[in-house]
């Protein structure tokens, strides 16, 4: 009888202990609470991840929209007018003044050729070259010289803007510092940005118009960075710091390419200069022998053909030794 009572007591104690272990121990030990916290964290992680992905997607869409707007504006303004070319060359001339100067040069070249004993065909060709080719070549030369001066000073200007932003200055005030202390043509270009923004244009759009007056990729990069930051936000000092590094790397690459292509440029210059040099030497030694080129109609036609073919050869060699990067 006693053994049965002891066995029942042992089984009852084991059952009560098991029930207490299952139901009371998690509550007393905190495991239930910890499990609830783990479940809540596990549920909140996907929500936070989705929120982060949504924010990143929104920012990416804003950046893509800004880039599309910039590219659409570039495609719309692909045709460069004479007024824009004069501005890019740093001249404040009106197109009418440029055309008048071109006409005067053409008339002067035609009169000089006729007075020098040249035929009408040679005079017309010289007038065309002086009135149409020479002014546009000068515009291109002044534009490239201005772009080189701009590119030399742009990385330092971006560094000044970065230091100003890190020191607590607004972007507009940093641009004012660059416009006040930078050399030309950087000073006039940033002054134009400040004047455009002062009349009510957004700063991002004002910086984006820098590429119209200075058509170099570096100016386009600067305008895109400012436009994107104005629309989607972000760390502007870091973005401009990266831009400054890119600009300096591009400058090093351009100098390296120039050094590697100097041999080809020297060869092209020698080949292009040989015909005029030989012509001058022959004229010095036997002027009657070579004067037929500009006194006889057939010689004039041959001279015009030689100029055309030489020009085509020079353009082909220039295309071969100039590298885009």
C-alpha atoms as a PDB file:
ATOM      1  CA  UNK A   1       0.000   0.000   0.000  1.00  0.00           C
ATOM      2  CA  UNK A   2       2.830   2.350   0.931  1.00  0.00           C
ATOM      3  CA  UNK A   3       4.648   1.679  -2.372  1.00  0.00           C
ATOM      4  CA  UNK A   4       1.566   2.611  -4.358  1.00  0.00           C
ATOM      5  CA  UNK A   5       1.179   5.884  -2.415  1.00  0.00           C
ATOM      6  CA  UNK A   6       4.859   6.710  -2.968  1.00  0.00           C
ATOM      7  CA  UNK A   7       4.605   5.937  -6.689  1.00  0.00           C
ATOM      8  CA  UNK A   8       1.501   8.105  -7.084  1.00  0.00           C
ATOM      9  CA  UNK A   9       3.178  10.917  -5.132  1.00  0.00           C
ATOM     10  CA  UNK A  10       6.291  10.682  -7.320  1.00  0.00           C
ATOM     11  CA  UNK A  11       4.234  10.744 -10.526  1.00  0.00           C
ATOM     12  CA  UNK A  12       2.143  13.673  -9.272  1.00  0.00           C
ATOM     13  CA  UNK A  13       5.301  15.587  -8.304  1.00  0.00           C
ATOM     14  CA  UNK A  14       6.885  14.872 -11.707  1.00  0.00           C
ATOM     15  CA  UNK A  15       3.715  16.001 -13.505  1.00  0.00           C
ATOM     16  CA  UNK A  16       3.483  19.220 -11.472  1.00  0.00           C
ATOM     17  CA  UNK A  17       7.193  19.893 -12.018  1.00  0.00           C
ATOM     18  CA  UNK A  18       6.847  19.320 -15.762  1.00  0.00           C
ATOM     19  CA  UNK A  19       3.897  21.678 -15.983  1.00  0.00           C
ATOM     20  CA  UNK A  20       5.761  24.300 -13.977  1.00  0.00           C
ATOM     21  CA  UNK A  21       8.828  23.922 -16.243  1.00  0.00           C
ATOM     22  CA  UNK A  22       6.716  24.338 -19.347  1.00  0.00           C
ATOM     23  CA  UNK A  23       4.475  27.215 -18.273  1.00  0.00           C
ATOM     24  CA  UNK A  24       6.148  29.036 -15.351  1.00  0.00           C
ATOM     25  CA  UNK A  25       9.887  28.811 -16.079  1.00  0.00           C
ATOM     26  CA  UNK A  26       9.827  30.877 -19.335  1.00  0.00           C
ATOM     27  CA  UNK A  27       7.936  33.637 -17.548  1.00  0.00           C
ATOM     28  CA  UNK A  28      10.169  33.603 -14.469  1.00  0.00           C
ATOM     29  CA  UNK A  29      13.456  33.309 -16.356  1.00  0.00           C
ATOM     30  CA  UNK A  30      12.669  35.987 -19.004  1.00  0.00           C
ATOM     31  CA  UNK A  31      12.908  33.643 -21.975  1.00  0.00           C
ATOM     32  CA  UNK A  32       9.361  34.498 -23.024  1.00  0.00           C
ATOM     33  CA  UNK A  33      10.154  38.196 -23.011  1.00  0.00           C
ATOM     34  CA  UNK A  34      13.417  37.651 -24.906  1.00  0.00           C
ATOM     35  CA  UNK A  35      11.633  35.568 -27.500  1.00  0.00           C
ATOM     36  CA  UNK A  36       9.045  38.294 -27.950  1.00  0.00           C
ATOM     37  CA  UNK A  37      11.801  40.877 -28.424  1.00  0.00           C
ATOM     38  CA  UNK A  38      13.535  38.673 -30.983  1.00  0.00           C
ATOM     39  CA  UNK A  39      10.281  38.283 -32.865  1.00  0.00           C
ATOM     40  CA  UNK A  40       9.623  42.025 -32.838  1.00  0.00           C
ATOM     41  CA  UNK A  41      13.159  42.737 -34.105  1.00  0.00           C
ATOM     42  CA  UNK A  42      12.785  40.100 -36.794  1.00  0.00           C
ATOM     43  CA  UNK A  43       9.569  41.762 -37.916  1.00  0.00           C
ATOM     44  CA  UNK A  44      11.000  45.296 -37.830  1.00  0.00           C
ATOM     45  CA  UNK A  45      14.119  44.459 -39.876  1.00  0.00           C
ATOM     46  CA  UNK A  46      12.236  43.879 -43.160  1.00  0.00           C
ATOM     47  CA  UNK A  47      10.243  47.077 -42.585  1.00  0.00           C
ATOM     48  CA  UNK A  48      13.441  49.106 -42.051  1.00  0.00           C
ATOM     49  CA  UNK A  49      15.097  47.417 -45.011  1.00  0.00           C
ATOM     50  CA  UNK A  50      12.117  48.208 -47.200  1.00  0.00           C
ATOM     51  CA  UNK A  51      12.157  51.811 -46.006  1.00  0.00           C
ATOM     52  CA  UNK A  52      15.881  52.113 -46.785  1.00  0.00           C
ATOM     53  CA  UNK A  53      15.394  50.560 -50.212  1.00  0.00           C
ATOM     54  CA  UNK A  54      12.507  52.930 -50.868  1.00  0.00           C
ATOM     55  CA  UNK A  55      14.644  55.948 -49.924  1.00  0.00           C
ATOM     56  CA  UNK A  56      17.535  54.735 -52.088  1.00  0.00           C
ATOM     57  CA  UNK A  57      15.169  54.141 -55.003  1.00  0.00           C
ATOM     58  CA  UNK A  58      13.720  57.628 -54.628  1.00  0.00           C
ATOM     59  CA  UNK A  59      17.173  59.195 -54.556  1.00  0.00           C
ATOM     60  CA  UNK A  60      18.253  57.123 -57.562  1.00  0.00           C
ATOM     61  CA  UNK A  61      15.163  58.214 -59.488  1.00  0.00           C
ATOM     62  CA  UNK A  62      15.908  61.846 -58.652  1.00  0.00           C
ATOM     63  CA  UNK A  63      19.503  61.474 -59.856  1.00  0.00           C
ATOM     64  CA  UNK A  64      18.362  59.749 -63.061  1.00  0.00           C
ATOM     65  CA  UNK A  65      15.804  62.483 -63.649  1.00  0.00           C
ATOM     66  CA  UNK A  66      18.434  65.191 -63.213  1.00  0.00           C
ATOM     67  CA  UNK A  67      20.791  63.446 -65.617  1.00  0.00           C
ATOM     68  CA  UNK A  68      18.015  63.038 -68.190  1.00  0.00           C
ATOM     69  CA  UNK A  69      17.158  66.727 -67.942  1.00  0.00           C
ATOM     70  CA  UNK A  70      20.800  67.691 -68.430  1.00  0.00           C
ATOM     71  CA  UNK A  71      21.209  65.382 -71.434  1.00  0.00           C
ATOM     72  CA  UNK A  72      17.963  66.621 -72.974  1.00  0.00           C
ATOM     73  CA  UNK A  73      19.150  70.205 -72.638  1.00  0.00           C
ATOM     74  CA  UNK A  74      22.519  69.304 -74.185  1.00  0.00           C
ATOM     75  CA  UNK A  75      20.784  67.580 -77.128  1.00  0.00           C
ATOM     76  CA  UNK A  76      18.516  70.580 -77.606  1.00  0.00           C
ATOM     77  CA  UNK A  77      21.461  72.977 -77.631  1.00  0.00           C
ATOM     78  CA  UNK A  78      23.662  70.782 -79.843  1.00  0.00           C
ATOM     79  CA  UNK A  79      23.576  73.330 -82.660  1.00  0.00           C
ATOM     80  CA  UNK A  80      25.977  76.102 -81.708  1.00  0.00           C
ATOM     81  CA  UNK A  81      25.039  79.535 -83.008  1.00  0.00           C
ATOM     82  CA  UNK A  82      27.497  82.253 -83.950  1.00  0.00           C
ATOM     83  CA  UNK A  83      26.547  84.236 -80.843  1.00  0.00           C
ATOM     84  CA  UNK A  84      27.386  81.244 -78.649  1.00  0.00           C
ATOM     85  CA  UNK A  85      30.696  80.717 -80.442  1.00  0.00           C
ATOM     86  CA  UNK A  86      31.629  84.351 -79.860  1.00  0.00           C
ATOM     87  CA  UNK A  87      30.774  83.965 -76.165  1.00  0.00           C
ATOM     88  CA  UNK A  88      32.805  80.769 -75.912  1.00  0.00           C
ATOM     89  CA  UNK A  89      35.770  82.575 -77.452  1.00  0.00           C
ATOM     90  CA  UNK A  90      35.510  85.306 -74.822  1.00  0.00           C
ATOM     91  CA  UNK A  91      34.387  88.051 -77.236  1.00  0.00           C
ATOM     92  CA  UNK A  92      31.492  90.406 -76.574  1.00  0.00           C
ATOM     93  CA  UNK A  93      30.957  91.080 -80.290  1.00  0.00           C
ATOM     94  CA  UNK A  94      27.634  91.029 -82.019  1.00  0.00           C
ATOM     95  CA  UNK A  95      27.287  88.589 -84.965  1.00  0.00           C
ATOM     96  CA  UNK A  96      26.868  91.583 -87.280  1.00  0.00           C
ATOM     97  CA  UNK A  97      30.260  92.977 -86.255  1.00  0.00           C
ATOM     98  CA  UNK A  98      31.891  89.594 -86.839  1.00  0.00           C
ATOM     99  CA  UNK A  99      30.373  89.360 -90.325  1.00  0.00           C
ATOM    100  CA  UNK A 100      31.551  92.887 -91.166  1.00  0.00           C
ATOM    101  CA  UNK A 101      35.116  92.060 -90.099  1.00  0.00           C
ATOM    102  CA  UNK A 102      35.004  88.843 -92.144  1.00  0.00           C
ATOM    103  CA  UNK A 103      33.818  90.773 -95.204  1.00  0.00           C
ATOM    104  CA  UNK A 104      36.585  93.357 -94.824  1.00  0.00           C
ATOM    105  CA  UNK A 105      39.195  90.597 -94.636  1.00  0.00           C
ATOM    106  CA  UNK A 106      37.775  88.918 -97.747  1.00  0.00           C
ATOM    107  CA  UNK A 107      37.793  92.170 -99.734  1.00  0.00           C
ATOM    108  CA  UNK A 108      41.350  92.985 -98.610  1.00  0.00           C
ATOM    109  CA  UNK A 109      42.599  89.500 -99.557  1.00  0.00           C
ATOM    110  CA  UNK A 110      40.882  89.679-102.980  1.00  0.00           C
ATOM    111  CA  UNK A 111      42.353  93.124-103.711  1.00  0.00           C
ATOM    112  CA  UNK A 112      45.829  92.035-102.587  1.00  0.00           C
ATOM    113  CA  UNK A 113      45.698  88.958-104.821  1.00  0.00           C
ATOM    114  CA  UNK A 114      44.578  90.946-107.856  1.00  0.00           C
ATOM    115  CA  UNK A 115      47.171  93.658-107.301  1.00  0.00           C
ATOM    116  CA  UNK A 116      49.859  91.027-106.823  1.00  0.00           C
ATOM    117  CA  UNK A 117      49.271  89.654-110.312  1.00  0.00           C
ATOM    118  CA  UNK A 118      47.146  86.652-109.370  1.00  0.00           C
ATOM    119  CA  UNK A 119      44.258  85.511-111.501  1.00  0.00           C
ATOM    120  CA  UNK A 120      40.565  85.792-110.599  1.00  0.00           C
ATOM    121  CA  UNK A 121      40.369  82.156-109.521  1.00  0.00           C
ATOM    122  CA  UNK A 122      43.269  82.491-107.099  1.00  0.00           C
ATOM    123  CA  UNK A 123      41.917  85.804-105.805  1.00  0.00           C
ATOM    124  CA  UNK A 124      38.502  84.263-105.122  1.00  0.00           C
ATOM    125  CA  UNK A 125      40.096  81.323-103.321  1.00  0.00           C
ATOM    126  CA  UNK A 126      42.248  83.615-101.194  1.00  0.00           C
ATOM    127  CA  UNK A 127      39.267  85.855-100.426  1.00  0.00           C
ATOM    128  CA  UNK A 128      37.219  82.826 -99.333  1.00  0.00           C
ATOM    129  CA  UNK A 129      40.033  81.610 -97.081  1.00  0.00           C
ATOM    130  CA  UNK A 130      40.561  85.066 -95.544  1.00  0.00           C
ATOM    131  CA  UNK A 131      36.893  85.936 -95.144  1.00  0.00           C
ATOM    132  CA  UNK A 132      35.435  82.604 -94.110  1.00  0.00           C
ATOM    133  CA  UNK A 133      38.228  80.341 -92.873  1.00  0.00           C
ATOM    134  CA  UNK A 134      40.567  82.751 -91.047  1.00  0.00           C
ATOM    135  CA  UNK A 135      37.960  84.375 -88.716  1.00  0.00           C
ATOM    136  CA  UNK A 136      36.484  81.023 -87.727  1.00  0.00           C
ATOM    137  CA  UNK A 137      39.935  79.578 -87.184  1.00  0.00           C
ATOM    138  CA  UNK A 138      40.699  82.510 -84.896  1.00  0.00           C
ATOM    139  CA  UNK A 139      37.456  81.867 -82.997  1.00  0.00           C
ATOM    140  CA  UNK A 140      38.408  78.213 -82.561  1.00  0.00           C
ATOM    141  CA  UNK A 141      41.927  79.162 -81.467  1.00  0.00           C
ATOM    142  CA  UNK A 142      40.666  81.665 -78.876  1.00  0.00           C
ATOM    143  CA  UNK A 143      38.045  79.182 -77.639  1.00  0.00           C
ATOM    144  CA  UNK A 144      40.633  76.437 -77.096  1.00  0.00           C
ATOM    145  CA  UNK A 145      43.048  78.815 -75.389  1.00  0.00           C
ATOM    146  CA  UNK A 146      40.265  79.969 -73.071  1.00  0.00           C
ATOM    147  CA  UNK A 147      39.230  76.387 -72.312  1.00  0.00           C
ATOM    148  CA  UNK A 148      42.812  75.449 -71.393  1.00  0.00           C
ATOM    149  CA  UNK A 149      43.055  78.388 -68.989  1.00  0.00           C
ATOM    150  CA  UNK A 150      39.693  77.402 -67.484  1.00  0.00           C
ATOM    151  CA  UNK A 151      40.736  73.772 -66.983  1.00  0.00           C
ATOM    152  CA  UNK A 152      44.006  74.791 -65.316  1.00  0.00           C
ATOM    153  CA  UNK A 153      42.158  76.779 -62.655  1.00  0.00           C
ATOM    154  CA  UNK A 154      38.991  74.682 -62.170  1.00  0.00           C
ATOM    155  CA  UNK A 155      40.386  71.993 -59.769  1.00  0.00           C
ATOM    156  CA  UNK A 156      41.743  74.672 -57.414  1.00  0.00           C
ATOM    157  CA  UNK A 157      38.398  76.484 -57.550  1.00  0.00           C
ATOM    158  CA  UNK A 158      36.526  73.290 -56.651  1.00  0.00           C
ATOM    159  CA  UNK A 159      38.917  72.772 -53.716  1.00  0.00           C
ATOM    160  CA  UNK A 160      38.161  76.318 -52.524  1.00  0.00           C
ATOM    161  CA  UNK A 161      34.427  75.549 -52.666  1.00  0.00           C
ATOM    162  CA  UNK A 162      34.953  72.294 -50.721  1.00  0.00           C
ATOM    163  CA  UNK A 163      36.939  74.066 -47.992  1.00  0.00           C
ATOM    164  CA  UNK A 164      34.324  76.811 -47.793  1.00  0.00           C
ATOM    165  CA  UNK A 165      31.487  74.309 -47.374  1.00  0.00           C
ATOM    166  CA  UNK A 166      33.410  72.369 -44.718  1.00  0.00           C
ATOM    167  CA  UNK A 167      34.035  75.656 -42.891  1.00  0.00           C
ATOM    168  CA  UNK A 168      30.282  76.325 -42.790  1.00  0.00           C
ATOM    169  CA  UNK A 169      29.823  78.721 -45.711  1.00  0.00           C
ATOM    170  CA  UNK A 170      26.800  78.263 -47.988  1.00  0.00           C
ATOM    171  CA  UNK A 171      27.451  77.142 -51.543  1.00  0.00           C
ATOM    172  CA  UNK A 172      26.504  80.546 -52.946  1.00  0.00           C
ATOM    173  CA  UNK A 173      29.033  82.329 -50.724  1.00  0.00           C
ATOM    174  CA  UNK A 174      31.731  79.832 -51.714  1.00  0.00           C
ATOM    175  CA  UNK A 175      31.011  80.578 -55.375  1.00  0.00           C
ATOM    176  CA  UNK A 176      31.396  84.279 -54.592  1.00  0.00           C
ATOM    177  CA  UNK A 177      34.838  83.608 -53.130  1.00  0.00           C
ATOM    178  CA  UNK A 178      35.862  81.783 -56.320  1.00  0.00           C
ATOM    179  CA  UNK A 179      34.485  84.590 -58.500  1.00  0.00           C
ATOM    180  CA  UNK A 180      36.432  87.176 -56.516  1.00  0.00           C
ATOM    181  CA  UNK A 181      39.838  85.477 -56.297  1.00  0.00           C
ATOM    182  CA  UNK A 182      40.140  83.221 -59.370  1.00  0.00           C
ATOM    183  CA  UNK A 183      41.967  84.178 -62.581  1.00  0.00           C
ATOM    184  CA  UNK A 184      40.278  84.670 -65.914  1.00  0.00           C
ATOM    185  CA  UNK A 185      38.265  83.095 -67.479  1.00  0.00           C
ATOM    186  CA  UNK A 186      37.139  81.336 -64.293  1.00  0.00           C
ATOM    187  CA  UNK A 187      36.306  84.645 -62.636  1.00  0.00           C
ATOM    188  CA  UNK A 188      33.954  85.792 -65.389  1.00  0.00           C
ATOM    189  CA  UNK A 189      32.239  82.395 -65.668  1.00  0.00           C
ATOM    190  CA  UNK A 190      31.513  82.131 -61.933  1.00  0.00           C
ATOM    191  CA  UNK A 191      30.479  85.793 -61.874  1.00  0.00           C
ATOM    192  CA  UNK A 192      27.956  84.921 -64.593  1.00  0.00           C
ATOM    193  CA  UNK A 193      26.645  82.070 -62.393  1.00  0.00           C
ATOM    194  CA  UNK A 194      26.218  84.448 -59.447  1.00  0.00           C
ATOM    195  CA  UNK A 195      24.496  87.108 -61.572  1.00  0.00           C
ATOM    196  CA  UNK A 196      22.155  84.516 -63.107  1.00  0.00           C
ATOM    197  CA  UNK A 197      21.244  83.134 -59.696  1.00  0.00           C
ATOM    198  CA  UNK A 198      20.739  86.635 -58.294  1.00  0.00           C
ATOM    199  CA  UNK A 199      17.974  87.367 -60.822  1.00  0.00           C
ATOM    200  CA  UNK A 200      15.967  84.349 -59.670  1.00  0.00           C
ATOM    201  CA  UNK A 201      17.265  81.296 -61.528  1.00  0.00           C
ATOM    202  CA  UNK A 202      17.885  78.208 -59.325  1.00  0.00           C
ATOM    203  CA  UNK A 203      21.535  77.686 -58.481  1.00  0.00           C
ATOM    204  CA  UNK A 204      21.581  74.181 -59.987  1.00  0.00           C
ATOM    205  CA  UNK A 205      20.291  75.440 -63.330  1.00  0.00           C
ATOM    206  CA  UNK A 206      22.673  78.410 -63.244  1.00  0.00           C
ATOM    207  CA  UNK A 207      25.634  76.069 -62.748  1.00  0.00           C
ATOM    208  CA  UNK A 208      24.286  73.772 -65.460  1.00  0.00           C
ATOM    209  CA  UNK A 209      24.459  76.646 -67.954  1.00  0.00           C
ATOM    210  CA  UNK A 210      28.217  76.844 -67.420  1.00  0.00           C
ATOM    211  CA  UNK A 211      28.617  74.133 -70.063  1.00  0.00           C
ATOM    212  CA  UNK A 212      26.974  76.358 -72.684  1.00  0.00           C
ATOM    213  CA  UNK A 213      29.639  79.036 -72.269  1.00  0.00           C
ATOM    214  CA  UNK A 214      32.510  76.628 -71.583  1.00  0.00           C
ATOM    215  CA  UNK A 215      31.855  73.394 -73.552  1.00  0.00           C
ATOM    216  CA  UNK A 216      34.302  71.070 -71.799  1.00  0.00           C
ATOM    217  CA  UNK A 217      33.389  67.825 -69.968  1.00  0.00           C
ATOM    218  CA  UNK A 218      34.768  69.154 -66.672  1.00  0.00           C
ATOM    219  CA  UNK A 219      32.305  72.063 -66.681  1.00  0.00           C
ATOM    220  CA  UNK A 220      29.519  69.595 -67.474  1.00  0.00           C
ATOM    221  CA  UNK A 221      30.578  67.427 -64.498  1.00  0.00           C
ATOM    222  CA  UNK A 222      30.501  70.439 -62.189  1.00  0.00           C
ATOM    223  CA  UNK A 223      27.044  71.494 -63.355  1.00  0.00           C
ATOM    224  CA  UNK A 224      25.645  67.955 -62.988  1.00  0.00           C
ATOM    225  CA  UNK A 225      27.013  67.575 -59.434  1.00  0.00           C
ATOM    226  CA  UNK A 226      25.502  70.879 -58.304  1.00  0.00           C
ATOM    227  CA  UNK A 227      22.177  70.202 -60.053  1.00  0.00           C
ATOM    228  CA  UNK A 228      21.835  66.734 -58.504  1.00  0.00           C
ATOM    229  CA  UNK A 229      22.748  68.004 -55.033  1.00  0.00           C
ATOM    230  CA  UNK A 230      20.208  70.823 -55.269  1.00  0.00           C
ATOM    231  CA  UNK A 231      17.434  68.365 -56.186  1.00  0.00           C
ATOM    232  CA  UNK A 232      18.194  65.226 -54.181  1.00  0.00           C
ATOM    233  CA  UNK A 233      20.470  66.471 -51.392  1.00  0.00           C
ATOM    234  CA  UNK A 234      23.537  64.676 -50.089  1.00  0.00           C
ATOM    235  CA  UNK A 235      27.028  65.456 -48.885  1.00  0.00           C
ATOM    236  CA  UNK A 236      28.067  68.233 -51.251  1.00  0.00           C
ATOM    237  CA  UNK A 237      31.591  68.579 -49.882  1.00  0.00           C
ATOM    238  CA  UNK A 238      32.260  64.878 -50.449  1.00  0.00           C
ATOM    239  CA  UNK A 239      30.791  64.987 -53.959  1.00  0.00           C
ATOM    240  CA  UNK A 240      32.837  68.049 -54.911  1.00  0.00           C
ATOM    241  CA  UNK A 241      35.934  66.499 -53.323  1.00  0.00           C
ATOM    242  CA  UNK A 242      35.508  63.456 -55.545  1.00  0.00           C
ATOM    243  CA  UNK A 243      34.942  65.775 -58.518  1.00  0.00           C
ATOM    244  CA  UNK A 244      38.191  67.599 -57.757  1.00  0.00           C
ATOM    245  CA  UNK A 245      40.052  64.301 -57.711  1.00  0.00           C
ATOM    246  CA  UNK A 246      38.472  63.309 -61.041  1.00  0.00           C
ATOM    247  CA  UNK A 247      39.434  66.668 -62.580  1.00  0.00           C
ATOM    248  CA  UNK A 248      43.041  66.320 -61.480  1.00  0.00           C
ATOM    249  CA  UNK A 249      43.199  62.735 -62.763  1.00  0.00           C
ATOM    250  CA  UNK A 250      41.823  63.866 -66.127  1.00  0.00           C
ATOM    251  CA  UNK A 251      44.415  66.622 -66.247  1.00  0.00           C
ATOM    252  CA  UNK A 252      47.198  64.115 -65.585  1.00  0.00           C
ATOM    253  CA  UNK A 253      45.788  61.816 -68.253  1.00  0.00           C
ATOM    254  CA  UNK A 254      45.648  64.681 -70.777  1.00  0.00           C
ATOM    255  CA  UNK A 255      49.269  65.604 -70.061  1.00  0.00           C
ATOM    256  CA  UNK A 256      50.342  61.973 -70.382  1.00  0.00           C
ATOM    257  CA  UNK A 257      48.526  61.622 -73.707  1.00  0.00           C
ATOM    258  CA  UNK A 258      50.106  64.855 -74.942  1.00  0.00           C
ATOM    259  CA  UNK A 259      53.574  63.603 -74.008  1.00  0.00           C
ATOM    260  CA  UNK A 260      53.001  60.248 -75.730  1.00  0.00           C
ATOM    261  CA  UNK A 261      51.649  61.857 -78.909  1.00  0.00           C
ATOM    262  CA  UNK A 262      54.339  64.525 -79.310  1.00  0.00           C
ATOM    263  CA  UNK A 263      56.371  62.347 -81.675  1.00  0.00           C
ATOM    264  CA  UNK A 264      53.389  61.854 -83.967  1.00  0.00           C
ATOM    265  CA  UNK A 265      52.559  65.565 -83.819  1.00  0.00           C
ATOM    266  CA  UNK A 266      56.149  66.486 -84.696  1.00  0.00           C
ATOM    267  CA  UNK A 267      56.075  64.086 -87.660  1.00  0.00           C
ATOM    268  CA  UNK A 268      52.751  65.525 -88.833  1.00  0.00           C
ATOM    269  CA  UNK A 269      54.113  69.077 -88.525  1.00  0.00           C
ATOM    270  CA  UNK A 270      57.212  68.219 -90.578  1.00  0.00           C
ATOM    271  CA  UNK A 271      55.183  66.490 -93.278  1.00  0.00           C
ATOM    272  CA  UNK A 272      52.688  69.356 -93.460  1.00  0.00           C
ATOM    273  CA  UNK A 273      55.428  72.003 -93.585  1.00  0.00           C
ATOM    274  CA  UNK A 274      57.511  70.369 -96.345  1.00  0.00           C
ATOM    275  CA  UNK A 275      55.438  71.534 -99.390  1.00  0.00           C
ATOM    276  CA  UNK A 276      55.340  75.241 -98.390  1.00  0.00           C
ATOM    277  CA  UNK A 277      59.045  75.176 -97.469  1.00  0.00           C
ATOM    278  CA  UNK A 278      59.999  73.576-100.801  1.00  0.00           C
ATOM    279  CA  UNK A 279      57.795  76.079-102.608  1.00  0.00           C
ATOM    280  CA  UNK A 280      59.485  79.023-100.878  1.00  0.00           C
ATOM    281  CA  UNK A 281      62.960  77.644-101.579  1.00  0.00           C
ATOM    282  CA  UNK A 282      62.147  77.106-105.264  1.00  0.00           C
ATOM    283  CA  UNK A 283      60.725  80.621-105.479  1.00  0.00           C
ATOM    284  CA  UNK A 284      63.945  82.040-103.961  1.00  0.00           C
ATOM    285  CA  UNK A 285      66.200  80.145-106.384  1.00  0.00           C
ATOM    286  CA  UNK A 286      64.131  80.166-109.604  1.00  0.00           C
ATOM    287  CA  UNK A 287      61.086  82.483-109.291  1.00  0.00           C
ATOM    288  CA  UNK A 288      60.205  82.264-113.000  1.00  0.00           C
ATOM    289  CA  UNK A 289      59.898  78.489-112.804  1.00  0.00           C
ATOM    290  CA  UNK A 290      57.299  78.410-110.007  1.00  0.00           C
ATOM    291  CA  UNK A 291      55.485  81.666-110.775  1.00  0.00           C
ATOM    292  CA  UNK A 292      53.369  79.774-113.327  1.00  0.00           C
ATOM    293  CA  UNK A 293      51.354  78.400-110.395  1.00  0.00           C
ATOM    294  CA  UNK A 294      49.697  81.783-109.779  1.00  0.00           C
ATOM    295  CA  UNK A 295      50.036  83.438-113.186  1.00  0.00           C
ATOM    296  CA  UNK A 296      48.692  80.705-115.478  1.00  0.00           C
ATOM    297  CA  UNK A 297      45.063  79.483-115.148  1.00  0.00           C
ATOM    298  CA  UNK A 298      46.135  75.823-115.096  1.00  0.00           C
ATOM    299  CA  UNK A 299      48.733  76.582-112.442  1.00  0.00           C
ATOM    300  CA  UNK A 300      46.125  78.373-110.334  1.00  0.00           C
ATOM    301  CA  UNK A 301      43.821  75.367-110.585  1.00  0.00           C
ATOM    302  CA  UNK A 302      46.686  73.096-109.568  1.00  0.00           C
ATOM    303  CA  UNK A 303      47.538  75.381-106.654  1.00  0.00           C
ATOM    304  CA  UNK A 304      43.943  75.363-105.401  1.00  0.00           C
ATOM    305  CA  UNK A 305      43.857  71.565-105.706  1.00  0.00           C
ATOM    306  CA  UNK A 306      47.137  71.291-103.775  1.00  0.00           C
ATOM    307  CA  UNK A 307      45.756  73.491-100.994  1.00  0.00           C
ATOM    308  CA  UNK A 308      42.593  71.397-100.785  1.00  0.00           C
ATOM    309  CA  UNK A 309      44.453  68.081-100.686  1.00  0.00           C
ATOM    310  CA  UNK A 310      47.004  69.371 -98.182  1.00  0.00           C
ATOM    311  CA  UNK A 311      44.200  70.650 -95.952  1.00  0.00           C
ATOM    312  CA  UNK A 312      42.489  67.253 -96.096  1.00  0.00           C
ATOM    313  CA  UNK A 313      45.756  65.500 -95.243  1.00  0.00           C
ATOM    314  CA  UNK A 314      46.396  67.816 -92.287  1.00  0.00           C
ATOM    315  CA  UNK A 315      42.870  67.241 -90.957  1.00  0.00           C
ATOM    316  CA  UNK A 316      43.270  63.457 -91.271  1.00  0.00           C
ATOM    317  CA  UNK A 317      46.615  63.515 -89.454  1.00  0.00           C
ATOM    318  CA  UNK A 318      45.133  65.762 -86.757  1.00  0.00           C
ATOM    319  CA  UNK A 319      42.253  63.346 -86.303  1.00  0.00           C
ATOM    320  CA  UNK A 320      44.669  60.429 -85.997  1.00  0.00           C
ATOM    321  CA  UNK A 321      46.840  62.012 -83.295  1.00  0.00           C
ATOM    322  CA  UNK A 322      44.110  63.620 -81.189  1.00  0.00           C
ATOM    323  CA  UNK A 323      42.650  61.293 -78.542  1.00  0.00           C
ATOM    324  CA  UNK A 324      39.358  61.658 -76.709  1.00  0.00           C
ATOM    325  CA  UNK A 325      39.169  60.390 -73.135  1.00  0.00           C
END
